Amino acid sequence: MKAIQVKRTGGPEVLELVDLPTPEPGPGEILVRQEAVGLNYIETYQRSGLYPVPTPFVLGGEGAGVVEKLGEGVTRFKVGDRAAYAGGFGAYAEFRALPAGRAVKLPDAISSETAAGAMLKGMTAEYLVRRTYPVQPGDTILVYAAAGGVGSILVPWAKHLGAVVIAVAGGAAKGQIARDLGADHVIDHHGEDIAARVKEITGGQGVRVVYDGIGKATFDASLASLGRRGMLVIFGNASGSAEPVDPQALSRGGSLYLTRPTLFDYVVTTEELDASAAALFDVIASGVVKIAINQRYPLGEAAAAHRALEASETTGSTLLIP
């Protein structure tokens, strides 16, 4: 099978198209013939070495397709079922073997492309707005990268839950995307003081929660945007890891909360995975959330896809097509 392998960490040029044996599903595993693979920013960290992974490895943790084979003891799926998953490694390939308990069945209303563009980003949005800080009607919230993969799901979902959404986006085009997604206010980080604008919009009160996937570059502005007893949720490090914070800064800011969650602590069990995916599929099927797949690349052009992602040239979801 064709796959994208990382033999040494570095820039996008280290993504190499290779021929590898098609895996055989072991006990409790399924083999998925992949129809679409999702691209996620965390994969640039793994490729670069920021998040160390033993080499060589096949990159990618999100995909969808058709179940081709069953390992011993699998009853959760049958051959021919449509399946999707988020997690682990090995997605940048034509086939993927994985534990049956870490994949979900796709309902008829959800295509493989939609699932591959939505699973990791969509379940991230799910745990952020429903569990890390459960958004309540009337909450004013701040969402970074609102036109990006997670943001484009999080914004309409939060609006559906009754939030007033302040979106941060870069440039007029991405700002318009955020408005079209339902954002009530848009801040252009290219030229505006984020915290000052938040305080202006909220009459000096600040927001209940900040969903920040940027990290180092936005950390101070995020803290300064919170209202009393507000929560800063750092769920990504697109600009690098933030500097260590003095707990007294949280006190001075108004008894603030700070958390650094990851999806995989919210889908530890198969039951949690199923519930998160079901909530995501429900908001997609109902039309509350629309998965915008705005970039598609052949599997062999994974390096070009990474360059576009790191240059902030993408919006919505990006797919690799095996």
C-alpha atoms as a PDB file:
ATOM      1  CA  MET A   1       0.000   0.000   0.000  1.00  0.00           C
ATOM      2  CA  LYS A   2       0.987   3.646  -0.456  1.00  0.00           C
ATOM      3  CA  ALA A   3       1.720   5.560   2.741  1.00  0.00           C
ATOM      4  CA  ILE A   4       3.417   8.749   3.925  1.00  0.00           C
ATOM      5  CA  GLN A   5       6.296   7.878   6.227  1.00  0.00           C
ATOM      6  CA  VAL A   6       8.489  10.085   8.426  1.00  0.00           C
ATOM      7  CA  LYS A   7      12.007   8.647   8.671  1.00  0.00           C
ATOM      8  CA  ARG A   8      13.506  11.767  10.249  1.00  0.00           C
ATOM      9  CA  THR A   9      11.797  14.780  11.769  1.00  0.00           C
ATOM     10  CA  GLY A  10      11.916  18.206  10.157  1.00  0.00           C
ATOM     11  CA  GLY A  11      10.029  20.346   7.667  1.00  0.00           C
ATOM     12  CA  PRO A  12       7.338  19.198   5.235  1.00  0.00           C
ATOM     13  CA  GLU A  13      10.044  17.816   2.943  1.00  0.00           C
ATOM     14  CA  VAL A  14      10.521  14.830   5.293  1.00  0.00           C
ATOM     15  CA  LEU A  15       7.072  13.477   4.343  1.00  0.00           C
ATOM     16  CA  GLU A  16       7.968  10.606   2.008  1.00  0.00           C
ATOM     17  CA  LEU A  17       5.585   8.552  -0.146  1.00  0.00           C
ATOM     18  CA  VAL A  18       6.565   4.886   0.284  1.00  0.00           C
ATOM     19  CA  ASP A  19       5.262   1.378  -0.385  1.00  0.00           C
ATOM     20  CA  LEU A  20       4.536  -0.608   2.777  1.00  0.00           C
ATOM     21  CA  PRO A  21       2.875  -3.978   3.372  1.00  0.00           C
ATOM     22  CA  THR A  22      -0.867  -3.759   3.869  1.00  0.00           C
ATOM     23  CA  PRO A  23      -1.426  -4.439   7.583  1.00  0.00           C
ATOM     24  CA  GLU A  24      -3.338  -7.471   8.806  1.00  0.00           C
ATOM     25  CA  PRO A  25      -5.859  -6.827  11.588  1.00  0.00           C
ATOM     26  CA  GLY A  26      -4.877  -8.519  14.815  1.00  0.00           C
ATOM     27  CA  PRO A  27      -7.233  -9.785  17.522  1.00  0.00           C
ATOM     28  CA  GLY A  28      -9.842  -7.142  18.283  1.00  0.00           C
ATOM     29  CA  GLU A  29      -8.832  -5.025  15.269  1.00  0.00           C
ATOM     30  CA  ILE A  30     -10.411  -3.992  11.986  1.00  0.00           C
ATOM     31  CA  LEU A  31      -8.760  -3.157   8.653  1.00  0.00           C
ATOM     32  CA  VAL A  32     -10.181  -0.018   7.036  1.00  0.00           C
ATOM     33  CA  ARG A  33      -9.776   0.737   3.328  1.00  0.00           C
ATOM     34  CA  GLN A  34      -9.465   4.478   3.593  1.00  0.00           C
ATOM     35  CA  GLU A  35     -11.531   6.798   1.435  1.00  0.00           C
ATOM     36  CA  ALA A  36     -10.388  10.044   3.081  1.00  0.00           C
ATOM     37  CA  VAL A  37      -7.804  11.120   5.657  1.00  0.00           C
ATOM     38  CA  GLY A  38      -8.105  14.237   7.823  1.00  0.00           C
ATOM     39  CA  LEU A  39      -5.222  16.664   8.222  1.00  0.00           C
ATOM     40  CA  ASN A  40      -4.690  18.205  11.673  1.00  0.00           C
ATOM     41  CA  TYR A  41      -2.263  20.769  13.031  1.00  0.00           C
ATOM     42  CA  ILE A  42      -0.928  18.403  15.688  1.00  0.00           C
ATOM     43  CA  GLU A  43       0.635  16.392  12.860  1.00  0.00           C
ATOM     44  CA  THR A  44       2.960  19.297  12.077  1.00  0.00           C
ATOM     45  CA  TYR A  45       4.236  19.072  15.676  1.00  0.00           C
ATOM     46  CA  GLN A  46       4.830  15.340  15.312  1.00  0.00           C
ATOM     47  CA  ARG A  47       6.512  15.739  11.920  1.00  0.00           C
ATOM     48  CA  SER A  48       8.785  18.540  13.159  1.00  0.00           C
ATOM     49  CA  GLY A  49       9.798  16.773  16.367  1.00  0.00           C
ATOM     50  CA  LEU A  50       8.082  19.253  18.698  1.00  0.00           C
ATOM     51  CA  TYR A  51       6.065  16.276  19.903  1.00  0.00           C
ATOM     52  CA  PRO A  52       8.668  13.462  19.814  1.00  0.00           C
ATOM     53  CA  VAL A  53       7.639  10.229  18.090  1.00  0.00           C
ATOM     54  CA  PRO A  54      10.030   7.318  17.455  1.00  0.00           C
ATOM     55  CA  THR A  55      10.956   7.135  13.781  1.00  0.00           C
ATOM     56  CA  PRO A  56      10.126   5.804  11.287  1.00  0.00           C
ATOM     57  CA  PHE A  57       6.379   6.268  11.562  1.00  0.00           C
ATOM     58  CA  VAL A  58       3.349   6.810   9.355  1.00  0.00           C
ATOM     59  CA  LEU A  59       1.773  10.125  10.250  1.00  0.00           C
ATOM     60  CA  GLY A  60      -1.902  10.861  10.780  1.00  0.00           C
ATOM     61  CA  GLY A  61      -4.632  10.079  13.267  1.00  0.00           C
ATOM     62  CA  GLU A  62      -7.956  10.604  11.493  1.00  0.00           C
ATOM     63  CA  GLY A  63      -9.686   8.857   8.627  1.00  0.00           C
ATOM     64  CA  ALA A  64     -12.761   7.112   7.320  1.00  0.00           C
ATOM     65  CA  GLY A  65     -13.572   4.351   4.893  1.00  0.00           C
ATOM     66  CA  VAL A  66     -14.878   0.810   4.564  1.00  0.00           C
ATOM     67  CA  VAL A  67     -14.124  -2.156   6.813  1.00  0.00           C
ATOM     68  CA  GLU A  68     -12.230  -4.722   4.683  1.00  0.00           C
ATOM     69  CA  LYS A  69     -11.260  -7.349   7.255  1.00  0.00           C
ATOM     70  CA  LEU A  70     -12.016  -8.286  10.861  1.00  0.00           C
ATOM     71  CA  GLY A  71      -9.537  -9.517  13.415  1.00  0.00           C
ATOM     72  CA  GLU A  72     -10.357 -12.360  15.747  1.00  0.00           C
ATOM     73  CA  GLY A  73     -13.146 -11.620  18.204  1.00  0.00           C
ATOM     74  CA  VAL A  74     -14.516  -8.460  16.551  1.00  0.00           C
ATOM     75  CA  THR A  75     -18.291  -8.133  16.876  1.00  0.00           C
ATOM     76  CA  ARG A  76     -18.605  -4.337  16.840  1.00  0.00           C
ATOM     77  CA  PHE A  77     -18.268  -4.210  13.016  1.00  0.00           C
ATOM     78  CA  LYS A  78     -18.864  -6.434  10.025  1.00  0.00           C
ATOM     79  CA  VAL A  79     -17.094  -6.402   6.654  1.00  0.00           C
ATOM     80  CA  GLY A  80     -18.563  -3.655   4.477  1.00  0.00           C
ATOM     81  CA  ASP A  81     -19.469  -1.333   7.362  1.00  0.00           C
ATOM     82  CA  ARG A  82     -18.408   2.280   7.055  1.00  0.00           C
ATOM     83  CA  ALA A  83     -16.125   3.378   9.876  1.00  0.00           C
ATOM     84  CA  ALA A  84     -14.269   6.444  11.089  1.00  0.00           C
ATOM     85  CA  TYR A  85     -11.701   7.075  13.800  1.00  0.00           C
ATOM     86  CA  ALA A  86      -9.536   9.725  15.420  1.00  0.00           C
ATOM     87  CA  GLY A  87      -6.345   8.911  17.233  1.00  0.00           C
ATOM     88  CA  GLY A  88      -3.046   7.106  17.050  1.00  0.00           C
ATOM     89  CA  PHE A  89      -0.790   6.991  14.006  1.00  0.00           C
ATOM     90  CA  GLY A  90      -0.926   5.443  10.551  1.00  0.00           C
ATOM     91  CA  ALA A  91      -3.701   7.405   8.847  1.00  0.00           C
ATOM     92  CA  TYR A  92      -1.642   8.794   5.934  1.00  0.00           C
ATOM     93  CA  ALA A  93      -2.046   5.497   4.059  1.00  0.00           C
ATOM     94  CA  GLU A  94      -4.387   3.528   1.833  1.00  0.00           C
ATOM     95  CA  PHE A  95      -5.247   1.096   4.639  1.00  0.00           C
ATOM     96  CA  ARG A  96      -5.322   1.356   8.428  1.00  0.00           C
ATOM     97  CA  ALA A  97      -5.570  -1.389  11.024  1.00  0.00           C
ATOM     98  CA  LEU A  98      -6.821  -0.272  14.427  1.00  0.00           C
ATOM     99  CA  PRO A  99      -8.698  -1.536  17.488  1.00  0.00           C
ATOM    100  CA  ALA A 100     -12.408  -1.917  16.792  1.00  0.00           C
ATOM    101  CA  GLY A 101     -13.157  -0.129  20.067  1.00  0.00           C
ATOM    102  CA  ARG A 102     -11.408   3.037  18.817  1.00  0.00           C
ATOM    103  CA  ALA A 103     -13.531   3.370  15.666  1.00  0.00           C
ATOM    104  CA  VAL A 104     -17.176   4.326  15.238  1.00  0.00           C
ATOM    105  CA  LYS A 105     -19.784   3.304  12.708  1.00  0.00           C
ATOM    106  CA  LEU A 106     -20.825   6.028  10.319  1.00  0.00           C
ATOM    107  CA  PRO A 107     -24.536   6.764   9.986  1.00  0.00           C
ATOM    108  CA  ASP A 108     -25.933   7.024   6.458  1.00  0.00           C
ATOM    109  CA  ALA A 109     -26.164  10.814   6.738  1.00  0.00           C
ATOM    110  CA  ILE A 110     -22.397  11.224   7.202  1.00  0.00           C
ATOM    111  CA  SER A 111     -20.071  10.674   4.222  1.00  0.00           C
ATOM    112  CA  SER A 112     -16.520   9.372   4.572  1.00  0.00           C
ATOM    113  CA  GLU A 113     -15.139  12.755   3.530  1.00  0.00           C
ATOM    114  CA  THR A 114     -17.286  14.566   6.070  1.00  0.00           C
ATOM    115  CA  ALA A 115     -16.222  12.150   8.809  1.00  0.00           C
ATOM    116  CA  ALA A 116     -12.526  12.392   7.919  1.00  0.00           C
ATOM    117  CA  GLY A 117     -12.798  16.174   8.010  1.00  0.00           C
ATOM    118  CA  ALA A 118     -14.746  16.200  11.249  1.00  0.00           C
ATOM    119  CA  MET A 119     -13.845  13.437  13.675  1.00  0.00           C
ATOM    120  CA  LEU A 120     -10.824  14.852  15.496  1.00  0.00           C
ATOM    121  CA  LYS A 121     -11.744  18.520  15.080  1.00  0.00           C
ATOM    122  CA  GLY A 122     -15.429  17.911  15.749  1.00  0.00           C
ATOM    123  CA  MET A 123     -14.963  15.785  18.855  1.00  0.00           C
ATOM    124  CA  THR A 124     -12.486  18.394  20.064  1.00  0.00           C
ATOM    125  CA  ALA A 125     -15.192  21.035  19.650  1.00  0.00           C
ATOM    126  CA  GLU A 126     -17.637  18.709  21.416  1.00  0.00           C
ATOM    127  CA  TYR A 127     -15.580  18.257  24.559  1.00  0.00           C
ATOM    128  CA  LEU A 128     -14.626  21.949  24.623  1.00  0.00           C
ATOM    129  CA  VAL A 129     -18.150  23.380  24.524  1.00  0.00           C
ATOM    130  CA  ARG A 130     -19.987  20.557  26.317  1.00  0.00           C
ATOM    131  CA  ARG A 131     -17.532  19.276  28.923  1.00  0.00           C
ATOM    132  CA  THR A 132     -14.373  21.351  29.525  1.00  0.00           C
ATOM    133  CA  TYR A 133     -16.410  24.526  29.908  1.00  0.00           C
ATOM    134  CA  PRO A 134     -20.085  23.673  29.298  1.00  0.00           C
ATOM    135  CA  VAL A 135     -21.367  26.699  27.391  1.00  0.00           C
ATOM    136  CA  GLN A 136     -24.593  28.122  28.794  1.00  0.00           C
ATOM    137  CA  PRO A 137     -27.161  30.375  27.117  1.00  0.00           C
ATOM    138  CA  GLY A 138     -26.027  33.987  27.388  1.00  0.00           C
ATOM    139  CA  ASP A 139     -22.329  33.215  27.947  1.00  0.00           C
ATOM    140  CA  THR A 140     -19.961  35.470  26.029  1.00  0.00           C
ATOM    141  CA  ILE A 141     -17.013  33.454  24.757  1.00  0.00           C
ATOM    142  CA  LEU A 142     -13.839  34.087  22.761  1.00  0.00           C
ATOM    143  CA  VAL A 143     -12.775  31.677  19.990  1.00  0.00           C
ATOM    144  CA  TYR A 144      -9.404  31.877  18.239  1.00  0.00           C
ATOM    145  CA  ALA A 145      -8.815  30.713  14.647  1.00  0.00           C
ATOM    146  CA  ALA A 146     -12.556  30.823  14.132  1.00  0.00           C
ATOM    147  CA  ALA A 147     -12.250  30.106  10.410  1.00  0.00           C
ATOM    148  CA  GLY A 148     -10.013  27.069  10.960  1.00  0.00           C
ATOM    149  CA  GLY A 149     -10.793  23.407  11.420  1.00  0.00           C
ATOM    150  CA  VAL A 150     -11.866  23.373  15.071  1.00  0.00           C
ATOM    151  CA  GLY A 151     -13.100  26.957  15.067  1.00  0.00           C
ATOM    152  CA  SER A 152     -15.441  26.452  12.123  1.00  0.00           C
ATOM    153  CA  ILE A 153     -17.207  23.710  14.122  1.00  0.00           C
ATOM    154  CA  LEU A 154     -16.940  25.310  17.554  1.00  0.00           C
ATOM    155  CA  VAL A 155     -18.458  28.672  16.550  1.00  0.00           C
ATOM    156  CA  PRO A 156     -21.831  27.409  15.220  1.00  0.00           C
ATOM    157  CA  TRP A 157     -22.055  24.773  17.960  1.00  0.00           C
ATOM    158  CA  ALA A 158     -21.553  27.423  20.642  1.00  0.00           C
ATOM    159  CA  LYS A 159     -24.150  29.645  18.937  1.00  0.00           C
ATOM    160  CA  HIS A 160     -26.564  26.703  18.968  1.00  0.00           C
ATOM    161  CA  LEU A 161     -25.982  26.446  22.728  1.00  0.00           C
ATOM    162  CA  GLY A 162     -26.921  30.103  23.136  1.00  0.00           C
ATOM    163  CA  ALA A 163     -23.517  31.795  23.417  1.00  0.00           C
ATOM    164  CA  VAL A 164     -22.490  35.248  22.280  1.00  0.00           C
ATOM    165  CA  VAL A 165     -19.391  34.472  20.213  1.00  0.00           C
ATOM    166  CA  ILE A 166     -16.429  36.792  19.762  1.00  0.00           C
ATOM    167  CA  ALA A 167     -14.261  35.324  17.018  1.00  0.00           C
ATOM    168  CA  VAL A 168     -10.599  36.003  16.310  1.00  0.00           C
ATOM    169  CA  ALA A 169      -9.492  35.587  12.700  1.00  0.00           C
ATOM    170  CA  GLY A 170      -6.719  36.898  10.498  1.00  0.00           C
ATOM    171  CA  GLY A 171      -7.729  39.201   7.654  1.00  0.00           C
ATOM    172  CA  ALA A 172     -10.970  40.233   6.019  1.00  0.00           C
ATOM    173  CA  ALA A 173     -11.636  36.946   4.206  1.00  0.00           C
ATOM    174  CA  LYS A 174     -11.324  34.786   7.322  1.00  0.00           C
ATOM    175  CA  GLY A 175     -13.264  37.362   9.304  1.00  0.00           C
ATOM    176  CA  GLN A 176     -16.148  37.031   6.856  1.00  0.00           C
ATOM    177  CA  ILE A 177     -16.031  33.255   7.215  1.00  0.00           C
ATOM    178  CA  ALA A 178     -16.339  33.668  10.983  1.00  0.00           C
ATOM    179  CA  ARG A 179     -19.357  35.953  10.524  1.00  0.00           C
ATOM    180  CA  ASP A 180     -20.949  33.479   8.124  1.00  0.00           C
ATOM    181  CA  LEU A 181     -20.473  30.777  10.773  1.00  0.00           C
ATOM    182  CA  GLY A 182     -22.524  32.890  13.185  1.00  0.00           C
ATOM    183  CA  ALA A 183     -19.952  34.881  15.151  1.00  0.00           C
ATOM    184  CA  ASP A 184     -21.498  37.965  16.754  1.00  0.00           C
ATOM    185  CA  HIS A 185     -18.244  39.942  16.757  1.00  0.00           C
ATOM    186  CA  VAL A 186     -14.977  39.462  14.851  1.00  0.00           C
ATOM    187  CA  ILE A 187     -11.523  40.671  15.879  1.00  0.00           C
ATOM    188  CA  ASP A 188      -8.753  40.805  13.260  1.00  0.00           C
ATOM    189  CA  HIS A 189      -5.580  39.754  15.043  1.00  0.00           C
ATOM    190  CA  HIS A 190      -3.466  41.300  12.277  1.00  0.00           C
ATOM    191  CA  GLY A 191      -4.141  44.816  13.469  1.00  0.00           C
ATOM    192  CA  GLU A 192      -6.357  44.879  16.548  1.00  0.00           C
ATOM    193  CA  ASP A 193      -5.573  44.605  20.258  1.00  0.00           C
ATOM    194  CA  ILE A 194      -7.521  41.481  21.149  1.00  0.00           C
ATOM    195  CA  ALA A 195      -7.937  42.064  24.883  1.00  0.00           C
ATOM    196  CA  ALA A 196      -8.835  45.742  24.415  1.00  0.00           C
ATOM    197  CA  ARG A 197     -11.484  44.875  21.831  1.00  0.00           C
ATOM    198  CA  VAL A 198     -12.913  42.145  24.048  1.00  0.00           C
ATOM    199  CA  LYS A 199     -13.251  44.561  26.944  1.00  0.00           C
ATOM    200  CA  GLU A 200     -14.857  47.106  24.605  1.00  0.00           C
ATOM    201  CA  ILE A 201     -17.346  44.568  23.266  1.00  0.00           C
ATOM    202  CA  THR A 202     -18.228  43.266  26.742  1.00  0.00           C
ATOM    203  CA  GLY A 203     -18.448  46.651  28.457  1.00  0.00           C
ATOM    204  CA  GLY A 204     -15.336  45.871  30.482  1.00  0.00           C
ATOM    205  CA  GLN A 205     -16.665  42.570  31.832  1.00  0.00           C
ATOM    206  CA  GLY A 206     -14.552  40.155  29.804  1.00  0.00           C
ATOM    207  CA  VAL A 207     -15.627  36.714  28.613  1.00  0.00           C
ATOM    208  CA  ARG A 208     -16.606  33.572  30.489  1.00  0.00           C
ATOM    209  CA  VAL A 209     -14.231  31.342  28.543  1.00  0.00           C
ATOM    210  CA  VAL A 210     -11.459  31.630  25.956  1.00  0.00           C
ATOM    211  CA  TYR A 211     -10.890  28.706  23.596  1.00  0.00           C
ATOM    212  CA  ASP A 212      -7.287  29.194  22.486  1.00  0.00           C
ATOM    213  CA  GLY A 213      -5.543  26.819  20.102  1.00  0.00           C
ATOM    214  CA  ILE A 214      -2.683  29.231  19.373  1.00  0.00           C
ATOM    215  CA  GLY A 215      -0.681  29.114  22.604  1.00  0.00           C
ATOM    216  CA  LYS A 216       2.398  31.266  23.126  1.00  0.00           C
ATOM    217  CA  ALA A 217       1.512  34.236  20.905  1.00  0.00           C
ATOM    218  CA  THR A 218      -1.960  34.731  22.381  1.00  0.00           C
ATOM    219  CA  PHE A 219      -1.602  33.593  25.987  1.00  0.00           C
ATOM    220  CA  ASP A 220      -1.320  37.044  27.592  1.00  0.00           C
ATOM    221  CA  ALA A 221      -4.178  38.469  25.519  1.00  0.00           C
ATOM    222  CA  SER A 222      -6.319  35.458  26.382  1.00  0.00           C
ATOM    223  CA  LEU A 223      -5.809  35.870  30.116  1.00  0.00           C
ATOM    224  CA  ALA A 224      -6.505  39.612  29.856  1.00  0.00           C
ATOM    225  CA  SER A 225      -9.759  38.900  27.987  1.00  0.00           C
ATOM    226  CA  LEU A 226     -11.306  36.856  30.792  1.00  0.00           C
ATOM    227  CA  GLY A 227     -13.861  38.127  33.218  1.00  0.00           C
ATOM    228  CA  ARG A 228     -13.933  37.253  36.903  1.00  0.00           C
ATOM    229  CA  ARG A 229     -13.736  33.471  37.454  1.00  0.00           C
ATOM    230  CA  GLY A 230     -13.317  32.977  33.721  1.00  0.00           C
ATOM    231  CA  MET A 231     -11.612  29.943  32.210  1.00  0.00           C
ATOM    232  CA  LEU A 232      -8.735  29.899  29.738  1.00  0.00           C
ATOM    233  CA  VAL A 233      -8.750  26.677  27.723  1.00  0.00           C
ATOM    234  CA  ILE A 234      -5.482  26.139  25.846  1.00  0.00           C
ATOM    235  CA  PHE A 235      -6.169  23.229  23.487  1.00  0.00           C
ATOM    236  CA  GLY A 236      -3.351  23.746  20.979  1.00  0.00           C
ATOM    237  CA  ASN A 237       0.081  25.282  20.448  1.00  0.00           C
ATOM    238  CA  ALA A 238       0.051  26.616  16.879  1.00  0.00           C
ATOM    239  CA  SER A 239       2.533  29.352  17.853  1.00  0.00           C
ATOM    240  CA  GLY A 240       4.483  27.190  20.323  1.00  0.00           C
ATOM    241  CA  SER A 241       4.073  26.468  24.013  1.00  0.00           C
ATOM    242  CA  ALA A 242       3.243  29.380  26.316  1.00  0.00           C
ATOM    243  CA  GLU A 243       5.740  30.448  28.941  1.00  0.00           C
ATOM    244  CA  PRO A 244       5.254  29.151  32.513  1.00  0.00           C
ATOM    245  CA  VAL A 245       2.623  31.145  34.391  1.00  0.00           C
ATOM    246  CA  ASP A 246       2.739  32.354  37.976  1.00  0.00           C
ATOM    247  CA  PRO A 247      -0.424  31.142  39.740  1.00  0.00           C
ATOM    248  CA  GLN A 248      -0.681  34.624  41.271  1.00  0.00           C
ATOM    249  CA  ALA A 249      -1.441  35.931  37.782  1.00  0.00           C
ATOM    250  CA  LEU A 250      -4.652  33.894  37.879  1.00  0.00           C
ATOM    251  CA  SER A 251      -5.524  35.466  41.207  1.00  0.00           C
ATOM    252  CA  ARG A 252      -4.819  38.988  39.995  1.00  0.00           C
ATOM    253  CA  GLY A 253      -6.927  38.401  36.900  1.00  0.00           C
ATOM    254  CA  GLY A 254      -9.997  37.616  38.969  1.00  0.00           C
ATOM    255  CA  SER A 255      -9.689  34.053  40.336  1.00  0.00           C
ATOM    256  CA  LEU A 256      -9.192  32.642  36.856  1.00  0.00           C
ATOM    257  CA  TYR A 257      -9.070  29.022  35.758  1.00  0.00           C
ATOM    258  CA  LEU A 258      -6.471  27.590  33.349  1.00  0.00           C
ATOM    259  CA  THR A 259      -6.600  24.168  31.718  1.00  0.00           C
ATOM    260  CA  ARG A 260      -4.715  22.353  28.947  1.00  0.00           C
ATOM    261  CA  PRO A 261      -6.995  19.520  27.816  1.00  0.00           C
ATOM    262  CA  THR A 262      -6.533  16.965  25.054  1.00  0.00           C
ATOM    263  CA  LEU A 263      -9.219  15.049  23.222  1.00  0.00           C
ATOM    264  CA  PHE A 264      -7.943  11.646  24.234  1.00  0.00           C
ATOM    265  CA  ASP A 265      -8.601  12.272  27.922  1.00  0.00           C
ATOM    266  CA  TYR A 266     -12.245  12.861  26.985  1.00  0.00           C
ATOM    267  CA  VAL A 267     -12.712   9.692  24.879  1.00  0.00           C
ATOM    268  CA  VAL A 268     -10.850   7.231  27.100  1.00  0.00           C
ATOM    269  CA  THR A 269     -13.487   4.497  26.890  1.00  0.00           C
ATOM    270  CA  THR A 270     -15.397   3.183  23.900  1.00  0.00           C
ATOM    271  CA  GLU A 271     -18.570   4.499  25.544  1.00  0.00           C
ATOM    272  CA  GLU A 272     -17.121   8.030  25.773  1.00  0.00           C
ATOM    273  CA  LEU A 273     -15.956   7.804  22.153  1.00  0.00           C
ATOM    274  CA  ASP A 274     -19.384   6.711  20.950  1.00  0.00           C
ATOM    275  CA  ALA A 275     -21.129   9.466  22.909  1.00  0.00           C
ATOM    276  CA  SER A 276     -18.808  12.188  21.620  1.00  0.00           C
ATOM    277  CA  ALA A 277     -19.100  11.015  18.013  1.00  0.00           C
ATOM    278  CA  ALA A 278     -22.888  10.677  18.302  1.00  0.00           C
ATOM    279  CA  ALA A 279     -23.195  14.263  19.561  1.00  0.00           C
ATOM    280  CA  LEU A 280     -21.039  15.427  16.653  1.00  0.00           C
ATOM    281  CA  PHE A 281     -22.978  13.455  14.052  1.00  0.00           C
ATOM    282  CA  ASP A 282     -26.244  14.832  15.459  1.00  0.00           C
ATOM    283  CA  VAL A 283     -25.241  18.482  15.014  1.00  0.00           C
ATOM    284  CA  ILE A 284     -23.938  17.749  11.511  1.00  0.00           C
ATOM    285  CA  ALA A 285     -27.031  15.824  10.429  1.00  0.00           C
ATOM    286  CA  SER A 286     -29.322  18.522  11.835  1.00  0.00           C
ATOM    287  CA  GLY A 287     -27.495  21.242   9.909  1.00  0.00           C
ATOM    288  CA  VAL A 288     -26.302  23.092  13.022  1.00  0.00           C
ATOM    289  CA  VAL A 289     -22.698  22.395  11.991  1.00  0.00           C
ATOM    290  CA  LYS A 290     -21.575  22.248   8.380  1.00  0.00           C
ATOM    291  CA  ILE A 291     -18.225  20.635   7.664  1.00  0.00           C
ATOM    292  CA  ALA A 292     -16.465  22.810   5.101  1.00  0.00           C
ATOM    293  CA  ILE A 293     -13.900  20.701   3.283  1.00  0.00           C
ATOM    294  CA  ASN A 294     -12.055  23.481   1.545  1.00  0.00           C
ATOM    295  CA  GLN A 295      -8.838  21.698   0.577  1.00  0.00           C
ATOM    296  CA  ARG A 296      -8.237  18.246  -0.892  1.00  0.00           C
ATOM    297  CA  TYR A 297      -4.806  16.868  -1.740  1.00  0.00           C
ATOM    298  CA  PRO A 298      -3.769  13.506  -3.173  1.00  0.00           C
ATOM    299  CA  LEU A 299      -2.005  11.396  -0.544  1.00  0.00           C
ATOM    300  CA  GLY A 300       1.326  11.906  -2.306  1.00  0.00           C
ATOM    301  CA  GLU A 301       1.046  15.680  -1.893  1.00  0.00           C
ATOM    302  CA  ALA A 302       1.005  15.603   1.911  1.00  0.00           C
ATOM    303  CA  ALA A 303       4.036  17.930   2.048  1.00  0.00           C
ATOM    304  CA  ALA A 304       2.161  20.621   0.112  1.00  0.00           C
ATOM    305  CA  ALA A 305      -0.796  20.223   2.453  1.00  0.00           C
ATOM    306  CA  HIS A 306       1.473  20.711   5.487  1.00  0.00           C
ATOM    307  CA  ARG A 307       3.035  23.826   3.955  1.00  0.00           C
ATOM    308  CA  ALA A 308      -0.407  25.333   3.386  1.00  0.00           C
ATOM    309  CA  LEU A 309      -1.538  24.480   6.902  1.00  0.00           C
ATOM    310  CA  GLU A 310       1.532  26.003   8.557  1.00  0.00           C
ATOM    311  CA  ALA A 311       1.271  29.127   6.402  1.00  0.00           C
ATOM    312  CA  SER A 312      -2.355  29.690   7.584  1.00  0.00           C
ATOM    313  CA  GLU A 313      -3.519  29.307   3.992  1.00  0.00           C
ATOM    314  CA  THR A 314      -6.266  26.812   4.827  1.00  0.00           C
ATOM    315  CA  THR A 315      -9.795  27.267   6.094  1.00  0.00           C
ATOM    316  CA  GLY A 316     -12.202  24.647   7.380  1.00  0.00           C
ATOM    317  CA  SER A 317     -11.025  21.057   6.931  1.00  0.00           C
ATOM    318  CA  THR A 318      -8.257  19.666   4.733  1.00  0.00           C
ATOM    319  CA  LEU A 319      -8.255  16.114   3.395  1.00  0.00           C
ATOM    320  CA  LEU A 320      -5.724  13.751   1.908  1.00  0.00           C
ATOM    321  CA  ILE A 321      -7.297  11.374  -0.617  1.00  0.00           C
ATOM    322  CA  PRO A 322      -5.535   7.964  -0.821  1.00  0.00           C
END
